[in-house]
Amino acid sequence: MARTGSLICHIVSRQVWETAIQEGGYQPPSLQQEGFIHFSYPHQTAATGRRFYAGQSGLVLLWIDPALLRAELRVEQAADVGESFPHLYGPLNIDAVVDMTDFDPDGV
């Protein structure tokens, strides 16, 4: 799958993602705690990985087509890093994920 600027990304453990597939949807703790799911643009994934997932293994990077999302997607400013990030205000529907790649936050 060619990755274009129109796709957005989400970092998650392979085990959690495989469970979400079996359950038919993905609702990480951030959805309950903050009201949305955090995403990044492709160019932001390396920094996001280093900032939040350093030292972790067994991660994957989900490639999501925003046009396939069922919940509302908003682009919002993250004051702590001075950039805008996509946030999904509802569960991630599995069929919006068009690709998945292994992700090593320490190797990016």
PDB file of N, CA and C in Angstrom:
ATOM      1  N   MET A   1       0.858  -1.187   0.000  1.00  0.00           N
ATOM      2  CA  MET A   1       0.000   0.000   0.000  1.00  0.00           C
ATOM      3  C   MET A   1       0.892   1.234   0.000  1.00  0.00           C
ATOM      4  N   ALA A   2       0.656   2.107  -0.915  1.00  0.00           N
ATOM      5  CA  ALA A   2       1.399   3.362  -0.962  1.00  0.00           C
ATOM      6  C   ALA A   2       0.890   4.271   0.148  1.00  0.00           C
ATOM      7  N   ARG A   3       1.804   4.832   0.884  1.00  0.00           N
ATOM      8  CA  ARG A   3       1.415   5.720   1.977  1.00  0.00           C
ATOM      9  C   ARG A   3       1.500   7.157   1.482  1.00  0.00           C
ATOM     10  N   THR A   4       0.387   7.819   1.515  1.00  0.00           N
ATOM     11  CA  THR A   4       0.354   9.196   1.032  1.00  0.00           C
ATOM     12  C   THR A   4       0.098  10.134   2.196  1.00  0.00           C
ATOM     13  N   GLY A   5       0.226  11.417   1.934  1.00  0.00           N
ATOM     14  CA  GLY A   5      -0.020  12.418   2.952  1.00  0.00           C
ATOM     15  C   GLY A   5      -1.459  12.430   3.438  1.00  0.00           C
ATOM     16  N   SER A   6      -2.357  11.779   2.714  1.00  0.00           N
ATOM     17  CA  SER A   6      -3.758  11.792   3.126  1.00  0.00           C
ATOM     18  C   SER A   6      -4.037  10.789   4.237  1.00  0.00           C
ATOM     19  N   LEU A   7      -3.127   9.860   4.481  1.00  0.00           N
ATOM     20  CA  LEU A   7      -3.329   8.882   5.540  1.00  0.00           C
ATOM     21  C   LEU A   7      -2.861   9.442   6.875  1.00  0.00           C
ATOM     22  N   ILE A   8      -3.471   8.951   7.956  1.00  0.00           N
ATOM     23  CA  ILE A   8      -3.034   9.291   9.303  1.00  0.00           C
ATOM     24  C   ILE A   8      -2.602   8.006   9.988  1.00  0.00           C
ATOM     25  N   CYS A   9      -1.884   8.136  11.098  1.00  0.00           N
ATOM     26  CA  CYS A   9      -1.278   6.979  11.752  1.00  0.00           C
ATOM     27  C   CYS A   9      -1.634   6.907  13.227  1.00  0.00           C
ATOM     28  N   HIS A  10      -1.569   5.684  13.741  1.00  0.00           N
ATOM     29  CA  HIS A  10      -1.775   5.446  15.174  1.00  0.00           C
ATOM     30  C   HIS A  10      -0.828   4.342  15.611  1.00  0.00           C
ATOM     31  N   ILE A  11      -0.157   4.541  16.742  1.00  0.00           N
ATOM     32  CA  ILE A  11       0.763   3.557  17.299  1.00  0.00           C
ATOM     33  C   ILE A  11       0.029   2.768  18.378  1.00  0.00           C
ATOM     34  N   VAL A  12       0.160   1.442  18.312  1.00  0.00           N
ATOM     35  CA  VAL A  12      -0.525   0.576  19.280  1.00  0.00           C
ATOM     36  C   VAL A  12       0.253  -0.730  19.391  1.00  0.00           C
ATOM     37  N   SER A  13       0.078  -1.449  20.481  1.00  0.00           N
ATOM     38  CA  SER A  13       0.732  -2.752  20.577  1.00  0.00           C
ATOM     39  C   SER A  13       0.020  -3.735  19.654  1.00  0.00           C
ATOM     40  N   ARG A  14       0.800  -4.635  19.076  1.00  0.00           N
ATOM     41  CA  ARG A  14       0.232  -5.638  18.173  1.00  0.00           C
ATOM     42  C   ARG A  14      -0.859  -6.446  18.891  1.00  0.00           C
ATOM     43  N   GLN A  15      -0.610  -6.802  20.138  1.00  0.00           N
ATOM     44  CA  GLN A  15      -1.568  -7.605  20.902  1.00  0.00           C
ATOM     45  C   GLN A  15      -2.899  -6.868  21.095  1.00  0.00           C
ATOM     46  N   VAL A  16      -2.824  -5.609  21.447  1.00  0.00           N
ATOM     47  CA  VAL A  16      -4.048  -4.813  21.631  1.00  0.00           C
ATOM     48  C   VAL A  16      -4.807  -4.703  20.306  1.00  0.00           C
ATOM     49  N   TRP A  17      -4.074  -4.482  19.208  1.00  0.00           N
ATOM     50  CA  TRP A  17      -4.721  -4.350  17.904  1.00  0.00           C
ATOM     51  C   TRP A  17      -5.378  -5.662  17.484  1.00  0.00           C
ATOM     52  N   GLU A  18      -4.704  -6.778  17.701  1.00  0.00           N
ATOM     53  CA  GLU A  18      -5.288  -8.077  17.343  1.00  0.00           C
ATOM     54  C   GLU A  18      -6.555  -8.351  18.143  1.00  0.00           C
ATOM     55  N   THR A  19      -6.576  -7.933  19.404  1.00  0.00           N
ATOM     56  CA  THR A  19      -7.785  -8.069  20.215  1.00  0.00           C
ATOM     57  C   THR A  19      -8.900  -7.185  19.660  1.00  0.00           C
ATOM     58  N   ALA A  20      -8.559  -5.972  19.262  1.00  0.00           N
ATOM     59  CA  ALA A  20      -9.555  -5.053  18.691  1.00  0.00           C
ATOM     60  C   ALA A  20     -10.167  -5.632  17.425  1.00  0.00           C
ATOM     61  N   ILE A  21      -9.354  -6.271  16.605  1.00  0.00           N
ATOM     62  CA  ILE A  21      -9.871  -6.884  15.381  1.00  0.00           C
ATOM     63  C   ILE A  21     -10.883  -7.971  15.743  1.00  0.00           C
ATOM     64  N   GLN A  22     -10.540  -8.794  16.713  1.00  0.00           N
ATOM     65  CA  GLN A  22     -11.447  -9.868  17.136  1.00  0.00           C
ATOM     66  C   GLN A  22     -12.752  -9.309  17.699  1.00  0.00           C
ATOM     67  N   GLU A  23     -12.659  -8.163  18.388  1.00  0.00           N
ATOM     68  CA  GLU A  23     -13.841  -7.553  18.998  1.00  0.00           C
ATOM     69  C   GLU A  23     -14.617  -6.676  18.021  1.00  0.00           C
ATOM     70  N   GLY A  24     -14.024  -6.384  16.865  1.00  0.00           N
ATOM     71  CA  GLY A  24     -14.719  -5.611  15.848  1.00  0.00           C
ATOM     72  C   GLY A  24     -14.640  -4.106  15.992  1.00  0.00           C
ATOM     73  N   GLY A  25     -13.769  -3.615  16.861  1.00  0.00           N
ATOM     74  CA  GLY A  25     -13.604  -2.168  17.023  1.00  0.00           C
ATOM     75  C   GLY A  25     -12.490  -1.854  17.987  1.00  0.00           C
ATOM     76  N   TYR A  26     -12.020  -0.640  17.950  1.00  0.00           N
ATOM     77  CA  TYR A  26     -10.889  -0.223  18.774  1.00  0.00           C
ATOM     78  C   TYR A  26     -11.281   1.000  19.584  1.00  0.00           C
ATOM     79  N   GLN A  27     -11.211   0.848  20.911  1.00  0.00           N
ATOM     80  CA  GLN A  27     -11.530   1.929  21.829  1.00  0.00           C
ATOM     81  C   GLN A  27     -10.470   1.967  22.923  1.00  0.00           C
ATOM     82  N   PRO A  28      -9.351   2.643  22.679  1.00  0.00           N
ATOM     83  CA  PRO A  28      -8.276   2.686  23.670  1.00  0.00           C
ATOM     84  C   PRO A  28      -8.678   3.502  24.900  1.00  0.00           C
ATOM     85  N   PRO A  29      -7.920   3.388  25.979  1.00  0.00           N
ATOM     86  CA  PRO A  29      -8.232   4.147  27.194  1.00  0.00           C
ATOM     87  C   PRO A  29      -8.376   5.651  26.975  1.00  0.00           C
ATOM     88  N   SER A  30      -7.626   6.211  26.023  1.00  0.00           N
ATOM     89  CA  SER A  30      -7.714   7.663  25.795  1.00  0.00           C
ATOM     90  C   SER A  30      -9.116   8.099  25.385  1.00  0.00           C
ATOM     91  N   LEU A  31      -9.863   7.200  24.752  1.00  0.00           N
ATOM     92  CA  LEU A  31     -11.221   7.551  24.339  1.00  0.00           C
ATOM     93  C   LEU A  31     -12.103   7.809  25.563  1.00  0.00           C
ATOM     94  N   GLN A  32     -11.951   6.984  26.585  1.00  0.00           N
ATOM     95  CA  GLN A  32     -12.703   7.183  27.826  1.00  0.00           C
ATOM     96  C   GLN A  32     -12.134   8.341  28.648  1.00  0.00           C
ATOM     97  N   GLN A  33     -10.815   8.424  28.728  1.00  0.00           N
ATOM     98  CA  GLN A  33     -10.164   9.410  29.584  1.00  0.00           C
ATOM     99  C   GLN A  33     -10.187  10.823  29.018  1.00  0.00           C
ATOM    100  N   GLU A  34      -9.976  10.943  27.713  1.00  0.00           N
ATOM    101  CA  GLU A  34      -9.862  12.267  27.101  1.00  0.00           C
ATOM    102  C   GLU A  34     -10.970  12.573  26.096  1.00  0.00           C
ATOM    103  N   GLY A  35     -11.720  11.537  25.705  1.00  0.00           N
ATOM    104  CA  GLY A  35     -12.813  11.734  24.764  1.00  0.00           C
ATOM    105  C   GLY A  35     -12.432  11.546  23.309  1.00  0.00           C
ATOM    106  N   PHE A  36     -11.169  11.195  23.041  1.00  0.00           N
ATOM    107  CA  PHE A  36     -10.747  10.999  21.662  1.00  0.00           C
ATOM    108  C   PHE A  36      -9.575  10.029  21.597  1.00  0.00           C
ATOM    109  N   ILE A  37      -9.279   9.579  20.370  1.00  0.00           N
ATOM    110  CA  ILE A  37      -8.131   8.727  20.100  1.00  0.00           C
ATOM    111  C   ILE A  37      -7.073   9.589  19.415  1.00  0.00           C
ATOM    112  N   HIS A  38      -5.844   9.484  19.888  1.00  0.00           N
ATOM    113  CA  HIS A  38      -4.732  10.251  19.331  1.00  0.00           C
ATOM    114  C   HIS A  38      -4.230   9.629  18.029  1.00  0.00           C
ATOM    115  N   PHE A  39      -4.006  10.463  17.030  1.00  0.00           N
ATOM    116  CA  PHE A  39      -3.396  10.057  15.769  1.00  0.00           C
ATOM    117  C   PHE A  39      -2.256  11.023  15.463  1.00  0.00           C
ATOM    118  N   SER A  40      -1.457  10.643  14.487  1.00  0.00           N
ATOM    119  CA  SER A  40      -0.371  11.501  13.999  1.00  0.00           C
ATOM    120  C   SER A  40      -0.408  11.496  12.487  1.00  0.00           C
ATOM    121  N   TYR A  41       0.165  12.535  11.911  1.00  0.00           N
ATOM    122  CA  TYR A  41       0.439  12.505  10.483  1.00  0.00           C
ATOM    123  C   TYR A  41       1.710  11.680  10.296  1.00  0.00           C
ATOM    124  N   PRO A  42       1.900  11.084   9.126  1.00  0.00           N
ATOM    125  CA  PRO A  42       3.085  10.236   8.930  1.00  0.00           C
ATOM    126  C   PRO A  42       4.402  10.890   9.341  1.00  0.00           C
ATOM    127  N   HIS A  43       4.571  12.176   9.037  1.00  0.00           N
ATOM    128  CA  HIS A  43       5.832  12.851   9.376  1.00  0.00           C
ATOM    129  C   HIS A  43       6.009  13.068  10.876  1.00  0.00           C
ATOM    130  N   GLN A  44       4.962  12.866  11.666  1.00  0.00           N
ATOM    131  CA  GLN A  44       5.026  13.072  13.109  1.00  0.00           C
ATOM    132  C   GLN A  44       5.254  11.777  13.893  1.00  0.00           C
ATOM    133  N   THR A  45       5.191  10.628  13.233  1.00  0.00           N
ATOM    134  CA  THR A  45       5.208   9.357  13.970  1.00  0.00           C
ATOM    135  C   THR A  45       6.532   9.092  14.682  1.00  0.00           C
ATOM    136  N   ALA A  46       7.646   9.451  14.094  1.00  0.00           N
ATOM    137  CA  ALA A  46       8.938   9.200  14.747  1.00  0.00           C
ATOM    138  C   ALA A  46       9.020   9.956  16.068  1.00  0.00           C
ATOM    139  N   ALA A  47       8.682  11.233  16.055  1.00  0.00           N
ATOM    140  CA  ALA A  47       8.738  12.033  17.282  1.00  0.00           C
ATOM    141  C   ALA A  47       7.711  11.546  18.305  1.00  0.00           C
ATOM    142  N   THR A  48       6.522  11.205  17.842  1.00  0.00           N
ATOM    143  CA  THR A  48       5.498  10.676  18.746  1.00  0.00           C
ATOM    144  C   THR A  48       5.980   9.372  19.378  1.00  0.00           C
ATOM    145  N   GLY A  49       6.583   8.521  18.575  1.00  0.00           N
ATOM    146  CA  GLY A  49       7.101   7.255  19.087  1.00  0.00           C
ATOM    147  C   GLY A  49       8.163   7.459  20.153  1.00  0.00           C
ATOM    148  N   ARG A  50       9.084   8.359  19.902  1.00  0.00           N
ATOM    149  CA  ARG A  50      10.142   8.631  20.886  1.00  0.00           C
ATOM    150  C   ARG A  50       9.570   9.248  22.156  1.00  0.00           C
ATOM    151  N   ARG A  51       8.586  10.121  22.011  1.00  0.00           N
ATOM    152  CA  ARG A  51       8.022  10.841  23.141  1.00  0.00           C
ATOM    153  C   ARG A  51       7.188   9.939  24.055  1.00  0.00           C
ATOM    154  N   PHE A  52       6.411   9.025  23.477  1.00  0.00           N
ATOM    155  CA  PHE A  52       5.454   8.260  24.283  1.00  0.00           C
ATOM    156  C   PHE A  52       5.707   6.760  24.357  1.00  0.00           C
ATOM    157  N   TYR A  53       6.557   6.211  23.471  1.00  0.00           N
ATOM    158  CA  TYR A  53       6.702   4.755  23.405  1.00  0.00           C
ATOM    159  C   TYR A  53       8.153   4.279  23.497  1.00  0.00           C
ATOM    160  N   ALA A  54       9.074   5.141  23.885  1.00  0.00           N
ATOM    161  CA  ALA A  54      10.491   4.762  23.964  1.00  0.00           C
ATOM    162  C   ALA A  54      10.668   3.523  24.833  1.00  0.00           C
ATOM    163  N   GLY A  55      11.479   2.597  24.336  1.00  0.00           N
ATOM    164  CA  GLY A  55      11.777   1.387  25.083  1.00  0.00           C
ATOM    165  C   GLY A  55      10.751   0.283  24.963  1.00  0.00           C
ATOM    166  N   GLN A  56       9.639   0.543  24.303  1.00  0.00           N
ATOM    167  CA  GLN A  56       8.592  -0.473  24.157  1.00  0.00           C
ATOM    168  C   GLN A  56       8.824  -1.283  22.884  1.00  0.00           C
ATOM    169  N   SER A  57       8.409  -2.533  22.939  1.00  0.00           N
ATOM    170  CA  SER A  57       8.508  -3.394  21.764  1.00  0.00           C
ATOM    171  C   SER A  57       7.136  -3.978  21.461  1.00  0.00           C
ATOM    172  N   GLY A  58       7.031  -4.671  20.332  1.00  0.00           N
ATOM    173  CA  GLY A  58       5.759  -5.280  19.949  1.00  0.00           C
ATOM    174  C   GLY A  58       4.731  -4.279  19.463  1.00  0.00           C
ATOM    175  N   LEU A  59       5.200  -3.150  18.953  1.00  0.00           N
ATOM    176  CA  LEU A  59       4.294  -2.099  18.482  1.00  0.00           C
ATOM    177  C   LEU A  59       4.075  -2.199  16.981  1.00  0.00           C
ATOM    178  N   VAL A  60       2.920  -1.695  16.553  1.00  0.00           N
ATOM    179  CA  VAL A  60       2.625  -1.566  15.134  1.00  0.00           C
ATOM    180  C   VAL A  60       2.147  -0.151  14.856  1.00  0.00           C
ATOM    181  N   LEU A  61       2.317   0.244  13.613  1.00  0.00           N
ATOM    182  CA  LEU A  61       1.820   1.532  13.150  1.00  0.00           C
ATOM    183  C   LEU A  61       0.642   1.250  12.236  1.00  0.00           C
ATOM    184  N   LEU A  62      -0.515   1.753  12.629  1.00  0.00           N
ATOM    185  CA  LEU A  62      -1.715   1.605  11.810  1.00  0.00           C
ATOM    186  C   LEU A  62      -1.784   2.775  10.849  1.00  0.00           C
ATOM    187  N   TRP A  63      -2.101   2.482   9.588  1.00  0.00           N
ATOM    188  CA  TRP A  63      -2.272   3.493   8.548  1.00  0.00           C
ATOM    189  C   TRP A  63      -3.764   3.582   8.262  1.00  0.00           C
ATOM    190  N   ILE A  64      -4.335   4.753   8.530  1.00  0.00           N
ATOM    191  CA  ILE A  64      -5.782   4.936   8.480  1.00  0.00           C
ATOM    192  C   ILE A  64      -6.159   5.915   7.374  1.00  0.00           C
ATOM    193  N   ASP A  65      -7.191   5.544   6.623  1.00  0.00           N
ATOM    194  CA  ASP A  65      -7.747   6.431   5.602  1.00  0.00           C
ATOM    195  C   ASP A  65      -8.854   7.251   6.262  1.00  0.00           C
ATOM    196  N   PRO A  66      -8.657   8.556   6.451  1.00  0.00           N
ATOM    197  CA  PRO A  66      -9.669   9.375   7.114  1.00  0.00           C
ATOM    198  C   PRO A  66     -11.040   9.334   6.442  1.00  0.00           C
ATOM    199  N   ALA A  67     -11.074   9.113   5.136  1.00  0.00           N
ATOM    200  CA  ALA A  67     -12.344   9.070   4.416  1.00  0.00           C
ATOM    201  C   ALA A  67     -13.198   7.874   4.836  1.00  0.00           C
ATOM    202  N   LEU A  68     -12.583   6.863   5.448  1.00  0.00           N
ATOM    203  CA  LEU A  68     -13.305   5.658   5.857  1.00  0.00           C
ATOM    204  C   LEU A  68     -13.747   5.675   7.318  1.00  0.00           C
ATOM    205  N   LEU A  69     -13.369   6.722   8.048  1.00  0.00           N
ATOM    206  CA  LEU A  69     -13.729   6.799   9.468  1.00  0.00           C
ATOM    207  C   LEU A  69     -15.215   7.075   9.642  1.00  0.00           C
ATOM    208  N   ARG A  70     -15.795   6.451  10.643  1.00  0.00           N
ATOM    209  CA  ARG A  70     -17.214   6.669  10.947  1.00  0.00           C
ATOM    210  C   ARG A  70     -17.416   7.734  12.021  1.00  0.00           C
ATOM    211  N   ALA A  71     -16.443   7.890  12.910  1.00  0.00           N
ATOM    212  CA  ALA A  71     -16.527   8.904  13.965  1.00  0.00           C
ATOM    213  C   ALA A  71     -15.931  10.218  13.456  1.00  0.00           C
ATOM    214  N   GLU A  72     -16.177  11.278  14.200  1.00  0.00           N
ATOM    215  CA  GLU A  72     -15.700  12.606  13.804  1.00  0.00           C
ATOM    216  C   GLU A  72     -14.203  12.748  14.019  1.00  0.00           C
ATOM    217  N   LEU A  73     -13.505  13.228  13.005  1.00  0.00           N
ATOM    218  CA  LEU A  73     -12.072  13.496  13.071  1.00  0.00           C
ATOM    219  C   LEU A  73     -11.867  15.006  13.115  1.00  0.00           C
ATOM    220  N   ARG A  74     -11.108  15.458  14.114  1.00  0.00           N
ATOM    221  CA  ARG A  74     -10.779  16.883  14.228  1.00  0.00           C
ATOM    222  C   ARG A  74      -9.266  17.038  14.273  1.00  0.00           C
ATOM    223  N   VAL A  75      -8.769  18.074  13.652  1.00  0.00           N
ATOM    224  CA  VAL A  75      -7.357  18.422  13.745  1.00  0.00           C
ATOM    225  C   VAL A  75      -7.251  19.520  14.795  1.00  0.00           C
ATOM    226  N   GLU A  76      -6.445  19.226  15.839  1.00  0.00           N
ATOM    227  CA  GLU A  76      -6.370  20.148  16.970  1.00  0.00           C
ATOM    228  C   GLU A  76      -4.922  20.396  17.371  1.00  0.00           C
ATOM    229  N   GLN A  77      -4.706  21.567  17.891  1.00  0.00           N
ATOM    230  CA  GLN A  77      -3.376  21.993  18.322  1.00  0.00           C
ATOM    231  C   GLN A  77      -2.987  21.293  19.625  1.00  0.00           C
ATOM    232  N   ALA A  78      -1.765  20.767  19.666  1.00  0.00           N
ATOM    233  CA  ALA A  78      -1.186  20.226  20.902  1.00  0.00           C
ATOM    234  C   ALA A  78      -0.235  21.291  21.429  1.00  0.00           C
ATOM    235  N   ALA A  79      -0.657  21.979  22.454  1.00  0.00           N
ATOM    236  CA  ALA A  79       0.100  23.122  22.959  1.00  0.00           C
ATOM    237  C   ALA A  79       1.502  22.744  23.418  1.00  0.00           C
ATOM    238  N   ASP A  80       1.663  21.535  23.946  1.00  0.00           N
ATOM    239  CA  ASP A  80       2.964  21.152  24.492  1.00  0.00           C
ATOM    240  C   ASP A  80       4.038  20.955  23.425  1.00  0.00           C
ATOM    241  N   VAL A  81       3.643  20.695  22.182  1.00  0.00           N
ATOM    242  CA  VAL A  81       4.636  20.515  21.114  1.00  0.00           C
ATOM    243  C   VAL A  81       4.474  21.529  19.985  1.00  0.00           C
ATOM    244  N   GLY A  82       3.436  22.345  20.039  1.00  0.00           N
ATOM    245  CA  GLY A  82       3.251  23.387  19.040  1.00  0.00           C
ATOM    246  C   GLY A  82       2.893  22.885  17.655  1.00  0.00           C
ATOM    247  N   GLU A  83       2.254  21.729  17.583  1.00  0.00           N
ATOM    248  CA  GLU A  83       1.824  21.165  16.298  1.00  0.00           C
ATOM    249  C   GLU A  83       0.361  20.762  16.389  1.00  0.00           C
ATOM    250  N   SER A  84      -0.254  20.591  15.234  1.00  0.00           N
ATOM    251  CA  SER A  84      -1.622  20.091  15.173  1.00  0.00           C
ATOM    252  C   SER A  84      -1.602  18.593  14.893  1.00  0.00           C
ATOM    253  N   PHE A  85      -2.523  17.875  15.552  1.00  0.00           N
ATOM    254  CA  PHE A  85      -2.633  16.433  15.389  1.00  0.00           C
ATOM    255  C   PHE A  85      -4.092  16.061  15.148  1.00  0.00           C
ATOM    256  N   PRO A  86      -4.337  14.987  14.403  1.00  0.00           N
ATOM    257  CA  PRO A  86      -5.711  14.509  14.223  1.00  0.00           C
ATOM    258  C   PRO A  86      -6.176  13.741  15.468  1.00  0.00           C
ATOM    259  N   HIS A  87      -7.411  13.986  15.863  1.00  0.00           N
ATOM    260  CA  HIS A  87      -8.040  13.293  16.994  1.00  0.00           C
ATOM    261  C   HIS A  87      -9.380  12.731  16.538  1.00  0.00           C
ATOM    262  N   LEU A  88      -9.637  11.480  16.882  1.00  0.00           N
ATOM    263  CA  LEU A  88     -10.888  10.825  16.511  1.00  0.00           C
ATOM    264  C   LEU A  88     -11.813  10.782  17.713  1.00  0.00           C
ATOM    265  N   TYR A  89     -12.977  11.388  17.590  1.00  0.00           N
ATOM    266  CA  TYR A  89     -13.948  11.481  18.677  1.00  0.00           C
ATOM    267  C   TYR A  89     -14.961  10.348  18.598  1.00  0.00           C
ATOM    268  N   GLY A  90     -14.474   9.152  18.788  1.00  0.00           N
ATOM    269  CA  GLY A  90     -15.291   7.950  18.772  1.00  0.00           C
ATOM    270  C   GLY A  90     -14.401   6.765  18.484  1.00  0.00           C
ATOM    271  N   PRO A  91     -14.975   5.569  18.463  1.00  0.00           N
ATOM    272  CA  PRO A  91     -14.178   4.366  18.214  1.00  0.00           C
ATOM    273  C   PRO A  91     -13.600   4.356  16.799  1.00  0.00           C
ATOM    274  N   LEU A  92     -12.468   3.682  16.670  1.00  0.00           N
ATOM    275  CA  LEU A  92     -11.860   3.484  15.359  1.00  0.00           C
ATOM    276  C   LEU A  92     -12.466   2.235  14.741  1.00  0.00           C
ATOM    277  N   ASN A  93     -13.140   2.397  13.614  1.00  0.00           N
ATOM    278  CA  ASN A  93     -13.677   1.244  12.896  1.00  0.00           C
ATOM    279  C   ASN A  93     -12.539   0.536  12.168  1.00  0.00           C
ATOM    280  N   ILE A  94     -12.506  -0.765  12.301  1.00  0.00           N
ATOM    281  CA  ILE A  94     -11.412  -1.598  11.797  1.00  0.00           C
ATOM    282  C   ILE A  94     -11.198  -1.412  10.297  1.00  0.00           C
ATOM    283  N   ASP A  95     -12.274  -1.260   9.541  1.00  0.00           N
ATOM    284  CA  ASP A  95     -12.136  -1.167   8.090  1.00  0.00           C
ATOM    285  C   ASP A  95     -11.527   0.147   7.603  1.00  0.00           C
ATOM    286  N   ALA A  96     -11.286   1.107   8.492  1.00  0.00           N
ATOM    287  CA  ALA A  96     -10.607   2.338   8.111  1.00  0.00           C
ATOM    288  C   ALA A  96      -9.090   2.155   8.087  1.00  0.00           C
ATOM    289  N   VAL A  97      -8.612   1.051   8.660  1.00  0.00           N
ATOM    290  CA  VAL A  97      -7.178   0.762   8.690  1.00  0.00           C
ATOM    291  C   VAL A  97      -6.813   0.065   7.383  1.00  0.00           C
ATOM    292  N   VAL A  98      -6.007   0.742   6.574  1.00  0.00           N
ATOM    293  CA  VAL A  98      -5.679   0.222   5.243  1.00  0.00           C
ATOM    294  C   VAL A  98      -4.335  -0.490   5.193  1.00  0.00           C
ATOM    295  N   ASP A  99      -3.530  -0.326   6.241  1.00  0.00           N
ATOM    296  CA  ASP A  99      -2.240  -1.005   6.293  1.00  0.00           C
ATOM    297  C   ASP A  99      -1.751  -1.002   7.736  1.00  0.00           C
ATOM    298  N   MET A 100      -0.810  -1.909   8.025  1.00  0.00           N
ATOM    299  CA  MET A 100      -0.203  -2.011   9.336  1.00  0.00           C
ATOM    300  C   MET A 100       1.261  -2.395   9.134  1.00  0.00           C
ATOM    301  N   THR A 101       2.158  -1.698   9.821  1.00  0.00           N
ATOM    302  CA  THR A 101       3.578  -2.013   9.730  1.00  0.00           C
ATOM    303  C   THR A 101       4.152  -2.115  11.138  1.00  0.00           C
ATOM    304  N   ASP A 102       5.207  -2.915  11.288  1.00  0.00           N
ATOM    305  CA  ASP A 102       5.904  -2.979  12.562  1.00  0.00           C
ATOM    306  C   ASP A 102       6.470  -1.591  12.875  1.00  0.00           C
ATOM    307  N   PHE A 103       6.537  -1.278  14.164  1.00  0.00           N
ATOM    308  CA  PHE A 103       7.024   0.046  14.564  1.00  0.00           C
ATOM    309  C   PHE A 103       7.971  -0.078  15.743  1.00  0.00           C
ATOM    310  N   ASP A 104       9.178   0.418  15.580  1.00  0.00           N
ATOM    311  CA  ASP A 104      10.188   0.444  16.637  1.00  0.00           C
ATOM    312  C   ASP A 104      10.469   1.894  16.980  1.00  0.00           C
ATOM    313  N   PRO A 105       9.964   2.395  18.110  1.00  0.00           N
ATOM    314  CA  PRO A 105      10.142   3.796  18.430  1.00  0.00           C
ATOM    315  C   PRO A 105      11.591   4.201  18.657  1.00  0.00           C
ATOM    316  N   ASP A 106      12.430   3.232  18.967  1.00  0.00           N
ATOM    317  CA  ASP A 106      13.823   3.543  19.205  1.00  0.00           C
ATOM    318  C   ASP A 106      14.668   3.468  17.934  1.00  0.00           C
ATOM    319  N   GLY A 107      14.077   2.937  16.863  1.00  0.00           N
ATOM    320  CA  GLY A 107      14.809   2.792  15.612  1.00  0.00           C
ATOM    321  C   GLY A 107      14.374   3.745  14.525  1.00  0.00           C
ATOM    322  N   VAL A 108      13.478   4.668  14.858  1.00  0.00           N
ATOM    323  CA  VAL A 108      12.991   5.607  13.842  1.00  0.00           C
ATOM    324  C   VAL A 108      13.727   6.920  13.913  1.00  0.00           C
TER     325      VAL A 108
END
